[in-house]
Amino acid sequence: MLAEIKHYLSYPLFTFNERVITLLEVLMVPLWLIISIWLSRVFIGKLATRLKNKNKDPNIVHLIERVLYVIALAIIFITTLSMLNVPITAFAFLSGAIAIGFGFGAQNIINNFISGWILMGEKPIRIGDFLEVEGVKGTVEEINTRSTRIRRVDGVHMLIPNSKLLENTVINWTLRDKLVRGTVRVGVAYGSDSEKVASIMLATTSQQPEVLDTPKAAVFFQDFGDNALIFEVYFWINSQVEGGLRLVSSNIRFALNKAFEEQGIVVAFPQRDIHIDGTLALKHENQPKG
């Protein structure tokens, strides 16, 4: 039985480069490709998992994964050519022609590919950063060689070409740290005690657990408005998403509304005083005769 299998596997199929190619060699190539690619994925995946468990920077782990995967593919390709006894120089002319055609036809792909490696190496944008791109806000989930995946604040995923992230203006809210400044603006009625209003706003804001002690919150008397005295409180929080800032601002407004009601401070609303020069003559209608 084994002799018959060996005989069939040794059966010559064709001659390439003055060398007889057998059935075994033909079957070995796809088998080698499948096993080598699978082993590469398993090895790289386990290495990445181990690095993540050691709390390594996910951006560095992602970059290592990409570099090792490219190296593995190059080794597999060269080894496959060696198994087929095909010299690499045989591809010199063909690869040059393909490179020229590919360069003209795939400029955007190459641009995004190079931009992806720049993003992973230079790290102006990292996994987990909160970005604002062309009016859209979201969190970076993955940086690939062609595009970057961002999860918007409404849960929708976006794929943005890497070249756009380098060529256009991008606001990275968490590039250096997670500090985000928020503001709450309030207008109170004329005649209110301005110092008391400022004290209530500062105390109410500082009592929020998310508001940081450093930098400290600050209250500013911004302006004498048409209908109100305008006050504004500035505060800082640690946040990676826009929802965190909105939630804290909302909680501050709830607390201010309650505190103002307890202290008898009126939140202003639009109103107009009408002054009439001269006297008004009221015309009385004749009463019907009974």
Protein backbone atom coordinates (compact mmCIF):
# COMPACT_ATOMS: atom_id res chain seq x y z
CA MET A 1 0.00 0.00 0.00
CA LEU A 2 2.74 2.45 0.95
CA ALA A 3 4.71 1.50 -2.13
CA GLU A 4 1.73 2.30 -4.37
CA ILE A 5 1.20 5.69 -2.67
CA LYS A 6 4.90 6.48 -3.06
CA HIS A 7 4.75 5.44 -6.70
CA TYR A 8 1.79 7.75 -7.41
CA LEU A 9 3.36 10.66 -5.51
CA SER A 10 6.58 10.22 -7.51
CA TYR A 11 4.71 10.34 -10.81
CA PRO A 12 6.25 13.05 -13.06
CA LEU A 13 3.79 15.69 -14.16
CA PHE A 14 5.88 18.16 -16.17
CA THR A 15 9.37 19.54 -16.60
CA PHE A 16 10.22 23.05 -15.43
CA ASN A 17 13.65 24.66 -15.75
CA GLU A 18 15.15 21.30 -16.79
CA ARG A 19 13.75 19.71 -13.65
CA VAL A 20 11.04 17.06 -13.42
CA ILE A 21 8.16 18.12 -11.18
CA THR A 22 6.39 15.24 -9.46
CA LEU A 23 2.92 15.04 -7.97
CA LEU A 24 4.37 15.15 -4.45
CA GLU A 25 6.12 18.45 -5.14
CA VAL A 26 2.94 19.94 -6.57
CA LEU A 27 0.95 18.88 -3.51
CA MET A 28 3.63 20.07 -1.14
CA VAL A 29 3.35 23.70 -2.28
CA PRO A 30 -0.30 24.35 -1.26
CA LEU A 31 0.20 22.21 1.86
CA TRP A 32 3.26 24.27 2.79
CA LEU A 33 1.41 27.54 2.16
CA ILE A 34 -1.58 26.52 4.29
CA ILE A 35 0.51 25.23 7.20
CA SER A 36 3.04 28.09 7.17
CA ILE A 37 0.42 30.85 7.01
CA TRP A 38 -1.60 29.17 9.77
CA LEU A 39 1.46 28.78 11.98
CA SER A 40 2.43 32.41 11.35
CA ARG A 41 -1.00 33.64 12.41
CA VAL A 42 -0.98 31.44 15.53
CA PHE A 43 2.54 32.51 16.56
CA ILE A 44 1.94 36.21 15.95
CA GLY A 45 -1.46 36.05 17.66
CA LYS A 46 -0.02 34.39 20.78
CA LEU A 47 2.83 36.89 20.91
CA ALA A 48 0.38 39.81 20.64
CA THR A 49 -1.83 38.32 23.37
CA ARG A 50 1.16 37.91 25.67
CA LEU A 51 2.25 41.51 25.11
CA LYS A 52 -1.29 42.77 25.77
CA ASN A 53 -1.46 40.76 29.00
CA LYS A 54 1.71 42.56 30.11
CA ASN A 55 -0.14 45.88 29.64
CA LYS A 56 2.01 46.95 26.72
CA ASP A 57 0.94 49.89 24.58
CA PRO A 58 -1.71 48.52 22.14
CA ASN A 59 -0.28 50.73 19.39
CA ILE A 60 3.18 49.13 19.77
CA VAL A 61 1.60 45.66 19.82
CA HIS A 62 -0.36 46.46 16.67
CA LEU A 63 2.80 47.69 14.91
CA ILE A 64 4.73 44.55 15.91
CA GLU A 65 1.93 42.38 14.56
CA ARG A 66 2.02 44.11 11.18
CA VAL A 67 5.81 43.98 10.86
CA LEU A 68 6.02 40.29 11.82
CA TYR A 69 3.20 39.41 9.42
CA VAL A 70 4.97 41.14 6.50
CA ILE A 71 8.25 39.39 7.37
CA ALA A 72 6.47 36.02 7.59
CA LEU A 73 4.84 36.49 4.18
CA ALA A 74 8.21 37.39 2.62
CA ILE A 75 9.85 34.29 4.10
CA ILE A 76 6.99 32.06 2.94
CA PHE A 77 7.18 33.50 -0.59
CA ILE A 78 10.96 33.01 -0.88
CA THR A 79 10.74 29.48 0.56
CA THR A 80 7.99 28.56 -1.90
CA LEU A 81 10.14 29.70 -4.82
CA SER A 82 13.03 27.66 -3.43
CA MET A 83 10.82 24.56 -3.22
CA LEU A 84 9.87 25.00 -6.88
CA ASN A 85 13.52 25.64 -7.78
CA VAL A 86 12.53 29.01 -9.29
CA PRO A 87 15.29 31.67 -9.08
CA ILE A 88 14.20 35.08 -7.83
CA THR A 89 16.05 36.72 -10.73
CA ALA A 90 13.48 35.19 -13.07
CA PHE A 91 10.96 37.68 -11.70
CA ALA A 92 13.20 40.73 -12.15
CA PHE A 93 11.81 41.89 -15.48
CA LEU A 94 8.24 40.85 -14.74
CA SER A 95 8.25 42.47 -11.31
CA GLY A 96 9.62 45.73 -12.78
CA ALA A 97 6.82 45.91 -15.33
CA ILE A 98 4.21 45.07 -12.72
CA ALA A 99 5.62 47.70 -10.35
CA ILE A 100 5.39 50.45 -12.98
CA GLY A 101 1.81 49.56 -13.89
CA PHE A 102 0.84 49.14 -10.26
CA GLY A 103 2.41 52.48 -9.37
CA PHE A 104 0.34 54.39 -11.92
CA GLY A 105 -2.90 52.53 -11.26
CA ALA A 106 -2.81 52.32 -7.51
CA GLN A 107 -1.42 55.65 -6.30
CA ASN A 108 -4.16 56.10 -3.71
CA ILE A 109 -3.69 52.58 -2.36
CA ILE A 110 0.07 53.08 -2.04
CA ASN A 111 -0.48 56.50 -0.46
CA ASN A 112 -2.85 55.04 2.13
CA PHE A 113 -0.51 52.09 2.72
CA ILE A 114 2.48 54.33 3.43
CA SER A 115 0.30 56.65 5.52
CA GLY A 116 -0.80 53.68 7.61
CA TRP A 117 2.79 52.79 8.47
CA ILE A 118 3.51 56.44 9.31
CA LEU A 119 0.51 56.52 11.67
CA MET A 120 1.62 53.31 13.41
CA GLY A 121 5.24 54.45 13.65
CA GLU A 122 4.90 58.15 14.46
CA LYS A 123 1.71 57.62 16.53
CA PRO A 124 -0.02 60.99 16.09
CA ILE A 125 -3.17 58.89 16.33
CA ARG A 126 -3.38 55.85 18.60
CA ILE A 127 -5.87 53.12 19.34
CA GLY A 128 -8.34 54.46 21.91
CA ASP A 129 -7.89 58.13 20.99
CA PHE A 130 -10.98 60.32 20.65
CA LEU A 131 -10.87 62.17 17.31
CA GLU A 132 -12.83 64.85 15.53
CA VAL A 133 -12.48 64.55 11.74
CA GLU A 134 -14.45 66.85 9.44
CA GLY A 135 -17.08 67.44 12.13
CA VAL A 136 -17.40 63.73 13.02
CA LYS A 137 -16.35 62.53 16.48
CA GLY A 138 -15.42 59.00 17.44
CA THR A 139 -12.95 56.61 19.08
CA VAL A 140 -10.15 54.90 17.15
CA GLU A 141 -10.61 51.12 17.28
CA GLU A 142 -8.07 49.88 14.75
CA ILE A 143 -5.33 51.30 12.50
CA ASN A 144 -4.86 49.15 9.39
CA THR A 145 -2.42 49.53 6.52
CA ARG A 146 -5.07 51.08 4.25
CA SER A 147 -7.67 52.67 6.50
CA THR A 148 -8.45 53.47 10.13
CA ARG A 149 -11.63 52.24 11.80
CA ILE A 150 -13.41 54.76 14.03
CA ARG A 151 -16.50 54.17 16.13
CA ARG A 152 -18.63 57.32 16.16
CA VAL A 153 -20.39 58.54 19.29
CA ASP A 154 -23.67 57.19 17.87
CA GLY A 155 -22.20 53.69 17.54
CA VAL A 156 -21.70 53.72 13.75
CA HIS A 157 -18.32 52.53 12.44
CA MET A 158 -16.39 54.61 9.92
CA LEU A 159 -13.46 53.58 7.71
CA ILE A 160 -11.29 56.63 6.99
CA PRO A 161 -8.39 56.38 4.49
CA ASN A 162 -5.08 56.84 6.29
CA SER A 163 -3.95 59.58 3.90
CA LYS A 164 -6.87 61.79 5.03
CA LEU A 165 -5.73 61.56 8.63
CA LEU A 166 -2.29 62.88 7.64
CA GLU A 167 -3.25 65.46 5.02
CA ASN A 168 -6.30 67.01 6.71
CA THR A 169 -6.77 68.75 10.03
CA VAL A 170 -7.61 66.24 12.76
CA ILE A 171 -8.53 67.19 16.33
CA ASN A 172 -7.18 64.58 18.75
CA TRP A 173 -8.87 65.21 22.10
CA THR A 174 -6.68 62.67 23.93
CA LEU A 175 -3.29 62.95 22.19
CA ARG A 176 -1.23 63.83 25.28
CA ASP A 177 -3.69 63.15 28.09
CA LYS A 178 -7.37 62.63 28.82
CA LEU A 179 -7.99 66.13 30.15
CA VAL A 180 -11.06 67.77 28.63
CA ARG A 181 -12.37 71.21 29.56
CA GLY A 182 -16.08 71.86 29.83
CA THR A 183 -18.16 74.99 30.34
CA VAL A 184 -21.64 75.78 31.66
CA ARG A 185 -23.13 79.18 30.86
CA VAL A 186 -25.94 80.71 32.96
CA GLY A 187 -27.79 84.01 32.82
CA VAL A 188 -29.39 85.35 36.02
CA ALA A 189 -31.81 88.21 36.43
CA TYR A 190 -30.59 91.76 36.99
CA GLY A 191 -30.53 92.62 40.69
CA SER A 192 -29.14 89.22 41.72
CA ASP A 193 -26.18 89.09 44.10
CA SER A 194 -23.33 88.44 41.64
CA GLU A 195 -20.86 87.23 44.28
CA LYS A 196 -23.43 84.81 45.66
CA VAL A 197 -24.16 83.49 42.17
CA ALA A 198 -20.45 82.92 41.53
CA SER A 199 -20.05 81.15 44.89
CA ILE A 200 -23.00 78.81 44.21
CA MET A 201 -21.73 77.96 40.73
CA LEU A 202 -18.21 77.20 41.96
CA ALA A 203 -19.41 75.08 44.90
CA THR A 204 -21.93 73.16 42.79
CA THR A 205 -19.38 72.40 40.07
CA SER A 206 -16.66 71.35 42.50
CA GLN A 207 -19.04 68.91 44.21
CA GLN A 208 -19.34 66.81 41.04
CA PRO A 209 -17.18 63.67 41.50
CA GLU A 210 -15.89 63.79 37.90
CA VAL A 211 -14.60 67.37 38.15
CA LEU A 212 -10.88 67.52 38.87
CA ASP A 213 -9.36 69.54 41.71
CA THR A 214 -6.36 70.37 39.49
CA PRO A 215 -6.81 72.35 37.31
CA LYS A 216 -9.37 74.00 39.54
CA ALA A 217 -12.80 75.04 38.40
CA ALA A 218 -13.25 78.78 37.86
CA VAL A 219 -16.24 81.11 37.51
CA PHE A 220 -16.20 84.20 35.29
CA PHE A 221 -18.63 87.11 35.13
CA GLN A 222 -18.73 87.25 31.35
CA ASP A 223 -21.01 90.13 30.42
CA PHE A 224 -23.99 92.38 31.10
CA GLY A 225 -26.44 90.84 28.66
CA ASP A 226 -29.62 92.32 27.24
CA ASN A 227 -31.76 90.44 29.72
CA ALA A 228 -29.35 88.87 32.19
CA LEU A 229 -26.04 88.87 34.00
CA ILE A 230 -23.97 86.25 32.18
CA PHE A 231 -21.82 83.88 34.23
CA GLU A 232 -19.74 80.96 32.98
CA VAL A 233 -17.98 78.19 34.91
CA TYR A 234 -14.97 76.32 33.50
CA PHE A 235 -14.02 72.86 34.74
CA TRP A 236 -11.78 69.94 33.78
CA ILE A 237 -12.46 66.20 33.69
CA ASN A 238 -10.72 63.02 32.55
CA SER A 239 -12.68 61.68 29.64
CA GLN A 240 -12.08 59.72 26.41
CA VAL A 241 -15.49 60.25 24.89
CA GLU A 242 -17.68 63.25 24.30
CA GLY A 243 -20.55 61.68 26.26
CA GLY A 244 -18.57 61.99 29.50
CA LEU A 245 -18.31 65.76 29.16
CA ARG A 246 -21.96 66.13 28.19
CA LEU A 247 -23.06 64.03 31.17
CA VAL A 248 -21.06 66.09 33.66
CA SER A 249 -22.32 69.36 32.14
CA SER A 250 -25.89 68.12 32.41
CA ASN A 251 -25.42 67.12 36.07
CA ILE A 252 -24.02 70.57 36.84
CA ARG A 253 -27.04 72.26 35.24
CA PHE A 254 -29.44 70.08 37.26
CA ALA A 255 -27.59 70.97 40.47
CA LEU A 256 -27.44 74.69 39.62
CA ASN A 257 -31.15 74.84 38.88
CA LYS A 258 -31.94 73.30 42.26
CA ALA A 259 -29.45 75.50 44.13
CA PHE A 260 -30.76 78.70 42.50
CA GLU A 261 -34.35 77.80 43.44
CA GLU A 262 -33.33 77.21 47.06
CA GLN A 263 -31.45 80.55 47.22
CA GLY A 264 -34.16 82.53 45.42
CA ILE A 265 -32.00 83.39 42.41
CA VAL A 266 -33.97 83.75 39.18
CA VAL A 267 -32.59 82.37 35.94
CA ALA A 268 -33.22 85.14 33.42
CA PHE A 269 -35.43 84.90 30.36
CA PRO A 270 -35.95 87.31 27.44
CA GLN A 271 -38.07 90.32 28.40
CA ARG A 272 -38.64 93.89 27.20
CA ASP A 273 -39.63 97.11 29.03
CA ILE A 274 -41.91 99.41 26.99
CA HIS A 275 -41.79 103.17 27.72
CA ILE A 276 -44.56 105.35 26.26
CA ASP A 277 -44.16 109.11 25.96
CA GLY A 278 -47.25 111.29 26.38
CA THR A 279 -50.69 110.27 27.61
CA LEU A 280 -53.11 107.62 26.50
CA ALA A 281 -56.73 108.52 25.85
CA LEU A 282 -59.10 105.66 26.45
CA LYS A 283 -62.28 105.76 24.43
CA HIS A 284 -65.35 104.47 26.22
CA GLU A 285 -68.06 102.92 24.13
CA ASN A 286 -71.63 104.12 24.64
CA GLN A 287 -73.55 101.84 26.87
CA PRO A 288 -76.72 100.48 25.24
CA LYS A 289 -79.88 101.98 26.55
CA GLY A 290 -81.95 99.64 28.63
